[in-house]
């Protein structure tokens, strides 16, 4: 008895569409715009290496400075919310408390 030949099955549209979605490049995350606000008079905002007040400061941002933000997290050693920010050439972490959305 010889095996019966079956016509090839066409791929259903669902797996093909799923494959296209999974293989498509992901869009870049948009940066948020923040302004440094709420600091005590004469103080500047420290931009830190990691989201921790004990981390080394990479630089300072004065009150009113505009920063780009790339997401915030409260999953930090202190439980406080920190945001990944860029201030000029400096990329680091700043306390969310002192950042006002633009």
Foldseek 3Di string as FASTA:
>chain_A
DDDDDDDDDDDDVVVVVVVCVVPDDDDDDAWFKWFFADDDPPDWWFFFAAPDPPGDGPDTHHGGAIKTWDDWDLPDPVSFIWTFIDRPNDTGITGPVRIDTD
